[in-house]
Amino acid sequence: MSSFSTIDNGRFGYISFAGGGIKINEVMDSRSTTIKAQIGGMYGRALEIGDKIPADESFFMPSLNWRKAEITKDFPETIHFLTGPQWDIFDPKAIRSFVEQTFTSPLQGDRMGYRLQEQIEPAPKISILSQGTVFGNVQVTSNGQAIVLLADRQTTGGYPVIATIIAADIPYFVQMPAGRKFHFEKTNYHDAVLRIADTRQNLKKIVDQWRFKKYHFPIGPSRKSSPAIQKLIEISSRRKE
């Protein structure tokens, strides 16, 4: 049995299961839960106190104690964006409002999107055909509310899109604690590509560190059913000394 403390900085965390993962029937090749559609996971609902999730038994790897990533707890005050397809139809006053005012990370949000608390002057009432949505699109409704579309967004939408948050800043935006202040800053495609390249390079460094630290003593897996393997490793290490 495991327990977890509350998150002190951020919105959500992750847990990884080795040895094949949790043993729950897959829906559309996934064991995740979509609560709104009530499919997947544990009967299509959120986990409740007392739920028991079956998982494949796996070996214990002592060297995992060394494989820790140094993750910063600081969140940037600036979220960069590229102009959206309807950027030019917004009034200059709305544009200034979007790039100059301070926004507040919403108290509530889900994987479909975050509704920002601050208002933006809506675009003129013109007919816009439904268009495909993109992860990070910032839609502005007819009453001036900005909605940032996230992973479980709808496939198409008819609200004008004023901006799109760049891929490198999406993780910071979605993990930003509720109530945190930030502002949007316009960037260009070249800078967005450089930023995501830096992000991927940093992730590669973390993976390389994990692989290096994987072989700190005691080395490798020690299966519960085979304690002799651990003993052989210790004997071999002493002989090398």
Protein backbone atom coordinates (compact mmCIF):
# COMPACT_ATOMS: atom_id res chain seq x y z
CA MET A 1 0.00 0.00 0.00
CA SER A 2 1.30 3.44 -0.95
CA SER A 3 0.30 6.94 -0.01
CA PHE A 4 1.07 10.37 -1.42
CA SER A 5 1.20 13.78 0.14
CA THR A 6 -0.50 16.81 -1.40
CA ILE A 7 1.22 18.72 -4.20
CA ASP A 8 2.93 21.83 -2.86
CA ASN A 9 3.67 23.42 -6.23
CA GLY A 10 1.85 22.50 -9.41
CA ARG A 11 -1.45 20.88 -10.35
CA PHE A 12 -0.84 17.16 -10.77
CA GLY A 13 1.80 14.44 -10.58
CA TYR A 14 2.60 11.14 -12.24
CA ILE A 15 3.04 7.55 -11.10
CA SER A 16 4.72 4.85 -13.16
CA PHE A 17 4.07 1.10 -12.96
CA ALA A 18 6.79 -1.34 -14.06
CA GLY A 19 6.38 -4.90 -15.27
CA GLY A 20 3.47 -4.37 -17.64
CA GLY A 21 1.55 -1.76 -15.66
CA ILE A 22 -1.90 -1.94 -14.13
CA LYS A 23 -4.19 -4.84 -15.07
CA ILE A 24 -7.33 -3.03 -16.20
CA ASN A 25 -9.14 -3.76 -19.44
CA GLU A 26 -8.10 -1.48 -22.26
CA VAL A 27 -10.54 0.74 -24.10
CA MET A 28 -9.30 1.98 -27.48
CA ASP A 29 -5.79 0.71 -26.60
CA SER A 30 -5.70 2.77 -23.38
CA ARG A 31 -6.19 2.15 -19.67
CA SER A 32 -6.93 5.79 -18.95
CA THR A 33 -10.30 7.13 -17.82
CA THR A 34 -12.51 9.62 -19.59
CA ILE A 35 -14.90 10.68 -16.84
CA LYS A 36 -17.18 12.81 -19.00
CA ALA A 37 -17.82 9.87 -21.34
CA GLN A 38 -17.67 7.40 -18.43
CA ILE A 39 -15.38 4.96 -20.24
CA GLY A 40 -12.10 3.30 -19.32
CA GLY A 41 -10.27 2.84 -16.05
CA MET A 42 -12.34 1.84 -13.02
CA TYR A 43 -15.90 1.72 -14.38
CA GLY A 44 -15.41 5.03 -16.16
CA ARG A 45 -15.31 7.06 -12.95
CA ALA A 46 -12.77 8.83 -10.77
CA LEU A 47 -10.91 6.75 -8.20
CA GLU A 48 -12.52 6.55 -4.78
CA ILE A 49 -11.28 5.70 -1.30
CA GLY A 50 -11.04 1.93 -1.01
CA ASP A 51 -10.53 1.23 -4.71
CA LYS A 52 -7.94 -1.46 -5.41
CA ILE A 53 -6.14 -1.31 -8.73
CA PRO A 54 -4.61 -4.65 -9.78
CA ALA A 55 -1.03 -4.42 -11.05
CA ASP A 56 1.48 -6.93 -12.36
CA GLU A 57 4.09 -7.89 -9.79
CA SER A 58 7.50 -6.61 -10.73
CA PHE A 59 11.04 -6.96 -9.48
CA PHE A 60 12.53 -4.43 -7.10
CA MET A 61 15.49 -2.49 -8.45
CA PRO A 62 17.55 -0.97 -5.61
CA SER A 63 19.43 1.31 -7.99
CA LEU A 64 16.21 3.24 -8.64
CA ASN A 65 17.06 5.16 -5.47
CA TRP A 66 19.80 6.86 -7.49
CA ARG A 67 17.70 7.66 -10.54
CA LYS A 68 16.24 11.01 -9.57
CA ALA A 69 15.68 13.99 -11.82
CA GLU A 70 16.40 17.52 -10.69
CA ILE A 71 13.12 19.25 -11.53
CA THR A 72 12.77 22.96 -10.98
CA LYS A 73 9.82 24.14 -8.91
CA ASP A 74 9.86 27.61 -10.41
CA PHE A 75 7.26 28.62 -12.96
CA PRO A 76 7.93 31.38 -15.51
CA GLU A 77 5.90 34.56 -15.36
CA THR A 78 5.82 34.71 -19.15
CA ILE A 79 4.00 32.32 -21.49
CA HIS A 80 5.06 32.71 -25.12
CA PHE A 81 2.65 32.43 -28.02
CA LEU A 82 2.38 32.58 -31.79
CA THR A 83 -0.37 34.67 -33.37
CA GLY A 84 -3.52 32.71 -34.15
CA PRO A 85 -5.34 32.47 -37.49
CA GLN A 86 -7.84 35.18 -36.43
CA TRP A 87 -5.28 37.50 -34.80
CA ASP A 88 -5.85 40.24 -37.39
CA ILE A 89 -9.63 40.44 -36.94
CA PHE A 90 -9.32 41.45 -33.28
CA ASP A 91 -9.46 45.14 -32.45
CA PRO A 92 -6.09 46.74 -31.48
CA LYS A 93 -7.57 47.34 -28.03
CA ALA A 94 -8.18 43.61 -27.64
CA ILE A 95 -4.63 42.84 -28.79
CA ARG A 96 -3.19 45.27 -26.23
CA SER A 97 -5.38 43.74 -23.54
CA PHE A 98 -4.11 40.28 -24.40
CA VAL A 99 -0.39 41.12 -24.34
CA GLU A 100 -0.34 43.78 -21.61
CA GLN A 101 -2.69 42.62 -18.87
CA THR A 102 -1.77 40.17 -16.13
CA PHE A 103 -3.63 36.86 -16.21
CA THR A 104 -4.37 34.47 -13.36
CA SER A 105 -3.99 30.71 -13.64
CA PRO A 106 -7.58 29.42 -13.27
CA LEU A 107 -8.84 27.77 -10.11
CA GLN A 108 -10.56 25.07 -12.14
CA GLY A 109 -9.65 23.34 -15.38
CA ASP A 110 -9.46 19.94 -16.97
CA ARG A 111 -7.73 18.19 -19.85
CA MET A 112 -10.12 19.80 -22.33
CA GLY A 113 -9.05 23.32 -21.47
CA TYR A 114 -8.48 26.13 -18.97
CA ARG A 115 -10.88 29.08 -18.82
CA LEU A 116 -8.98 32.24 -17.93
CA GLN A 117 -10.63 34.60 -15.47
CA GLU A 118 -9.70 37.85 -17.20
CA GLN A 119 -11.78 39.22 -20.07
CA ILE A 120 -10.63 40.11 -23.57
CA GLU A 121 -12.63 42.29 -25.94
CA PRO A 122 -14.26 39.80 -28.32
CA ALA A 123 -13.72 39.79 -32.06
CA PRO A 124 -16.29 41.41 -34.32
CA LYS A 125 -19.34 39.28 -34.97
CA ILE A 126 -18.43 37.78 -38.32
CA SER A 127 -19.14 34.33 -39.66
CA ILE A 128 -16.22 31.94 -39.07
CA LEU A 129 -16.24 28.41 -40.40
CA SER A 130 -15.39 25.65 -37.94
CA GLN A 131 -11.68 24.83 -38.08
CA GLY A 132 -9.38 22.19 -36.70
CA THR A 133 -8.08 22.92 -33.23
CA VAL A 134 -4.46 22.83 -32.06
CA PHE A 135 -3.03 22.03 -28.64
CA GLY A 136 -2.54 25.42 -26.98
CA ASN A 137 -5.06 27.40 -29.06
CA VAL A 138 -6.44 30.43 -27.19
CA GLN A 139 -10.06 30.84 -28.23
CA VAL A 140 -12.06 33.94 -27.33
CA THR A 141 -15.80 33.50 -26.89
CA SER A 142 -18.45 36.05 -27.85
CA ASN A 143 -18.56 37.31 -24.24
CA GLY A 144 -14.79 37.86 -24.12
CA GLN A 145 -13.70 34.80 -22.18
CA ALA A 146 -10.39 33.24 -23.22
CA ILE A 147 -10.20 29.43 -23.27
CA VAL A 148 -6.89 27.62 -23.72
CA LEU A 149 -7.48 24.27 -25.45
CA LEU A 150 -5.52 21.32 -24.07
CA ALA A 151 -4.98 17.59 -24.69
CA ASP A 152 -8.63 16.44 -24.65
CA ARG A 153 -9.95 19.42 -26.63
CA GLN A 154 -12.64 19.05 -29.26
CA THR A 155 -11.38 18.34 -32.78
CA THR A 156 -12.95 21.44 -34.34
CA GLY A 157 -14.17 24.79 -33.08
CA GLY A 158 -15.84 27.94 -34.32
CA TYR A 159 -14.57 30.55 -31.86
CA PRO A 160 -11.88 32.90 -33.19
CA VAL A 161 -8.35 31.94 -32.12
CA ILE A 162 -6.26 34.90 -31.05
CA ALA A 163 -3.09 32.95 -30.27
CA THR A 164 -1.47 29.56 -29.76
CA ILE A 165 0.86 28.83 -26.82
CA ILE A 166 4.15 27.41 -28.07
CA ALA A 167 4.90 23.74 -27.38
CA ALA A 168 7.85 24.49 -25.09
CA ASP A 169 5.66 26.54 -22.73
CA ILE A 170 2.63 24.23 -22.63
CA PRO A 171 4.03 22.10 -19.74
CA TYR A 172 4.60 25.20 -17.61
CA PHE A 173 1.15 26.55 -18.38
CA VAL A 174 -0.80 23.38 -17.56
CA GLN A 175 1.17 22.75 -14.33
CA MET A 176 1.02 26.34 -13.13
CA PRO A 177 -0.62 26.41 -9.67
CA ALA A 178 -4.09 27.93 -9.46
CA GLY A 179 -3.96 31.64 -8.73
CA ARG A 180 -0.44 32.16 -10.15
CA LYS A 181 -0.01 35.41 -12.07
CA PHE A 182 1.46 35.44 -15.58
CA HIS A 183 1.34 37.33 -18.85
CA PHE A 184 1.48 36.41 -22.53
CA GLU A 185 4.37 37.43 -24.77
CA LYS A 186 4.41 37.23 -28.54
CA THR A 187 7.24 35.30 -30.20
CA ASN A 188 8.03 33.99 -33.68
CA TYR A 189 8.25 30.56 -35.31
CA HIS A 190 12.07 30.48 -35.28
CA ASP A 191 12.23 31.20 -31.56
CA ALA A 192 9.50 28.63 -30.84
CA VAL A 193 11.52 25.95 -32.67
CA LEU A 194 14.67 26.83 -30.72
CA ARG A 195 12.79 26.67 -27.42
CA ILE A 196 11.31 23.21 -28.09
CA ALA A 197 14.77 22.02 -29.22
CA ASP A 198 16.20 23.20 -25.88
CA THR A 199 13.39 21.41 -24.04
CA ARG A 200 14.11 18.15 -25.84
CA GLN A 201 17.83 18.51 -25.12
CA ASN A 202 17.13 18.98 -21.41
CA LEU A 203 14.91 15.88 -21.39
CA LYS A 204 17.68 13.92 -23.11
CA LYS A 205 20.11 15.00 -20.38
CA ILE A 206 17.71 13.66 -17.73
CA VAL A 207 17.42 10.33 -19.55
CA ASP A 208 21.22 10.10 -19.89
CA GLN A 209 21.59 10.78 -16.14
CA TRP A 210 19.10 8.01 -15.35
CA ARG A 211 20.97 5.55 -17.55
CA PHE A 212 24.30 6.46 -15.95
CA LYS A 213 22.98 6.20 -12.40
CA LYS A 214 21.18 2.95 -13.19
CA TYR A 215 24.36 0.99 -12.51
CA HIS A 216 25.29 2.37 -9.13
CA PHE A 217 25.80 -0.39 -6.55
CA PRO A 218 23.80 -2.50 -5.88
CA ILE A 219 23.57 -3.20 -9.59
CA GLY A 220 20.52 -4.39 -11.43
CA PRO A 221 17.30 -6.13 -10.43
CA SER A 222 16.95 -8.51 -7.51
CA ARG A 223 13.86 -10.66 -7.97
CA LYS A 224 11.98 -11.65 -4.85
CA SER A 225 12.07 -15.27 -5.98
CA SER A 226 15.82 -15.17 -6.70
CA PRO A 227 17.73 -13.60 -3.78
CA ALA A 228 20.79 -15.58 -4.86
CA ILE A 229 21.32 -13.13 -7.74
CA GLN A 230 21.86 -10.30 -5.28
CA LYS A 231 24.33 -12.41 -3.34
CA LEU A 232 26.35 -13.21 -6.46
CA ILE A 233 26.56 -9.53 -7.33
CA GLU A 234 27.85 -8.68 -3.84
CA ILE A 235 30.47 -11.47 -3.98
CA SER A 236 31.62 -10.34 -7.39
CA SER A 237 31.92 -6.74 -6.20
CA ARG A 238 34.04 -7.78 -3.20
CA ARG A 239 36.39 -9.77 -5.41
CA LYS A 240 36.98 -6.77 -7.66
CA GLU A 241 37.91 -4.70 -4.61
